[in-house]
């Protein structure tokens, strides 16, 4: 527990942030977990406010998340329609996006095979390939239940 606390303080400092109670709470939510955590800014705000039993400014959430992203602690996942998720797993990997629930979850790299990629424009190179597979229920009744 004390080691986690020190790790969070170090992570905040290395990201150029002061270790406030609110930012430490954000660290605990993001990094004190076994599984990968996918979240939106709004989702993280709700979880943090519930955890600290107090309001937190959207600016604090944005600034903390963006500093962590900039320093490699979080990965940004952009979806069409201006939906942005963040991921605590910063390694190269792929995702399912469930259009019915609005949730995102990992696909193991070995389950995706990219066999052909286009030539890059002159002077450019491919730095990363990530696949996001959009999924939705093929059952209309199930879709209605999921949205309720």
Protein backbone atom coordinates (compact mmCIF):
# COMPACT_ATOMS: atom_id res chain seq x y z
CA UNK A 1 0.00 0.00 0.00
CA UNK A 2 2.77 2.46 0.95
CA UNK A 3 4.76 1.33 -2.11
CA UNK A 4 1.71 2.04 -4.33
CA UNK A 5 1.38 5.48 -2.74
CA UNK A 6 5.06 6.27 -3.46
CA UNK A 7 4.70 4.91 -6.99
CA UNK A 8 1.73 7.21 -7.58
CA UNK A 9 3.61 10.23 -6.24
CA UNK A 10 6.60 9.38 -8.46
CA UNK A 11 4.32 8.91 -11.49
CA UNK A 12 2.69 12.29 -10.86
CA UNK A 13 6.02 14.07 -10.36
CA UNK A 14 7.55 12.51 -13.48
CA UNK A 15 4.50 13.75 -15.40
CA UNK A 16 5.03 17.30 -14.12
CA UNK A 17 2.08 17.22 -11.71
CA UNK A 18 1.77 17.96 -8.00
CA UNK A 19 0.60 15.05 -5.88
CA UNK A 20 -2.75 16.39 -4.65
CA UNK A 21 -5.39 14.23 -2.93
CA UNK A 22 -7.53 14.34 -6.07
CA UNK A 23 -4.68 13.30 -8.37
CA UNK A 24 -3.66 10.51 -5.99
CA UNK A 25 -7.26 9.27 -6.11
CA UNK A 26 -7.10 9.30 -9.92
CA UNK A 27 -3.85 7.30 -9.78
CA UNK A 28 -5.41 4.75 -7.45
CA UNK A 29 -8.37 4.30 -9.80
CA UNK A 30 -6.19 4.00 -12.90
CA UNK A 31 -3.24 1.98 -11.69
CA UNK A 32 -4.28 -0.03 -8.58
CA UNK A 33 -5.89 -2.77 -10.62
CA UNK A 34 -4.93 -6.10 -12.08
CA UNK A 35 -6.81 -5.76 -15.38
CA UNK A 36 -6.51 -3.19 -18.11
CA UNK A 37 -8.81 -0.21 -17.59
CA UNK A 38 -10.50 1.49 -20.55
CA UNK A 39 -12.26 4.76 -19.77
CA UNK A 40 -13.52 8.06 -21.09
CA UNK A 41 -12.85 11.35 -19.31
CA UNK A 42 -16.50 11.54 -18.23
CA UNK A 43 -16.43 7.97 -16.91
CA UNK A 44 -13.25 8.62 -14.91
CA UNK A 45 -14.78 11.80 -13.45
CA UNK A 46 -17.83 9.86 -12.18
CA UNK A 47 -15.70 7.06 -10.70
CA UNK A 48 -13.33 9.54 -9.04
CA UNK A 49 -16.14 11.60 -7.51
CA UNK A 50 -17.73 8.44 -6.14
CA UNK A 51 -14.37 7.34 -4.70
CA UNK A 52 -13.47 10.65 -3.03
CA UNK A 53 -17.12 11.44 -2.16
CA UNK A 54 -16.64 14.94 -3.51
CA UNK A 55 -16.71 16.88 -6.78
CA UNK A 56 -13.62 17.09 -8.97
CA UNK A 57 -13.13 19.55 -11.81
CA UNK A 58 -13.13 18.30 -15.35
CA UNK A 59 -9.93 20.32 -15.86
CA UNK A 60 -8.14 18.28 -13.17
CA UNK A 61 -9.21 15.05 -14.87
CA UNK A 62 -8.19 16.30 -18.34
CA UNK A 63 -4.85 17.70 -17.18
CA UNK A 64 -3.94 14.56 -15.24
CA UNK A 65 -4.95 12.16 -18.02
CA UNK A 66 -3.21 14.22 -20.71
CA UNK A 67 -0.01 14.45 -18.64
CA UNK A 68 -0.08 10.67 -18.12
CA UNK A 69 -0.68 10.14 -21.85
CA UNK A 70 2.17 12.48 -22.77
CA UNK A 71 4.55 10.59 -20.45
CA UNK A 72 3.53 7.13 -21.66
CA UNK A 73 1.41 5.95 -18.72
CA UNK A 74 -1.83 5.94 -20.74
CA UNK A 75 -2.73 5.29 -24.35
CA UNK A 76 -5.39 7.25 -26.24
CA UNK A 77 -7.88 5.38 -28.42
CA UNK A 78 -9.75 7.57 -30.89
CA UNK A 79 -12.95 6.24 -32.40
CA UNK A 80 -14.97 7.78 -35.20
CA UNK A 81 -17.68 10.10 -34.01
CA UNK A 82 -15.29 11.96 -31.67
CA UNK A 83 -15.41 9.23 -29.00
CA UNK A 84 -12.12 9.04 -27.10
CA UNK A 85 -11.10 6.30 -24.70
CA UNK A 86 -7.94 5.96 -22.67
CA UNK A 87 -6.24 2.68 -21.83
CA UNK A 88 -3.89 1.75 -18.99
CA UNK A 89 -2.32 -0.90 -21.24
CA UNK A 90 0.15 1.14 -23.27
CA UNK A 91 1.52 -1.79 -25.29
CA UNK A 92 0.49 -2.20 -28.91
CA UNK A 93 -2.78 -4.19 -28.98
CA UNK A 94 -6.21 -4.27 -30.58
CA UNK A 95 -9.78 -3.64 -29.40
CA UNK A 96 -13.41 -4.52 -29.81
CA UNK A 97 -15.79 -1.56 -29.55
CA UNK A 98 -19.32 -2.62 -28.60
CA UNK A 99 -21.69 -0.18 -30.27
CA UNK A 100 -24.59 -1.37 -28.09
CA UNK A 101 -22.94 -0.77 -24.72
CA UNK A 102 -20.35 1.86 -25.67
CA UNK A 103 -17.60 -0.22 -24.04
CA UNK A 104 -14.22 -1.17 -25.36
CA UNK A 105 -12.18 -4.26 -24.56
CA UNK A 106 -8.93 -5.87 -25.62
CA UNK A 107 -8.28 -8.36 -28.40
CA UNK A 108 -5.13 -10.42 -28.00
CA UNK A 109 -2.52 -9.57 -30.63
CA UNK A 110 -2.29 -13.21 -31.70
CA UNK A 111 -5.99 -13.10 -32.68
CA UNK A 112 -5.42 -10.41 -35.34
CA UNK A 113 -3.34 -10.96 -38.45
CA UNK A 114 -2.51 -7.94 -40.59
CA UNK A 115 -1.21 -9.44 -43.80
CA UNK A 116 -1.09 -6.48 -46.18
CA UNK A 117 -0.53 -2.80 -45.56
CA UNK A 118 -0.33 0.00 -48.11
CA UNK A 119 2.90 1.70 -49.09
CA UNK A 120 3.48 4.83 -47.07
CA UNK A 121 3.86 8.26 -48.64
CA UNK A 122 7.42 9.28 -49.47
CA UNK A 123 9.34 10.23 -46.36
CA UNK A 124 6.90 8.48 -43.99
CA UNK A 125 7.00 5.18 -42.14
CA UNK A 126 4.39 3.15 -40.31
CA UNK A 127 4.90 3.54 -36.57
CA UNK A 128 2.01 1.44 -35.33
CA UNK A 129 -0.98 -0.55 -36.52
CA UNK A 130 -3.94 -0.94 -34.22
CA UNK A 131 -7.20 -2.57 -35.20
CA UNK A 132 -10.53 -1.63 -33.63
CA UNK A 133 -13.33 -4.03 -34.48
CA UNK A 134 -16.80 -2.53 -34.03
CA UNK A 135 -19.39 -5.03 -32.88
CA UNK A 136 -23.15 -4.84 -32.31
CA UNK A 137 -25.93 -7.22 -31.48
CA UNK A 138 -27.67 -8.73 -34.47
CA UNK A 139 -30.82 -9.11 -32.37
CA UNK A 140 -33.06 -6.01 -32.36
CA UNK A 141 -34.75 -6.95 -29.04
CA UNK A 142 -31.39 -7.43 -27.34
CA UNK A 143 -30.29 -3.98 -28.54
CA UNK A 144 -33.36 -2.38 -26.97
CA UNK A 145 -32.67 -4.13 -23.63
CA UNK A 146 -29.01 -3.08 -23.62
CA UNK A 147 -29.88 0.59 -24.15
CA UNK A 148 -32.37 0.69 -21.23
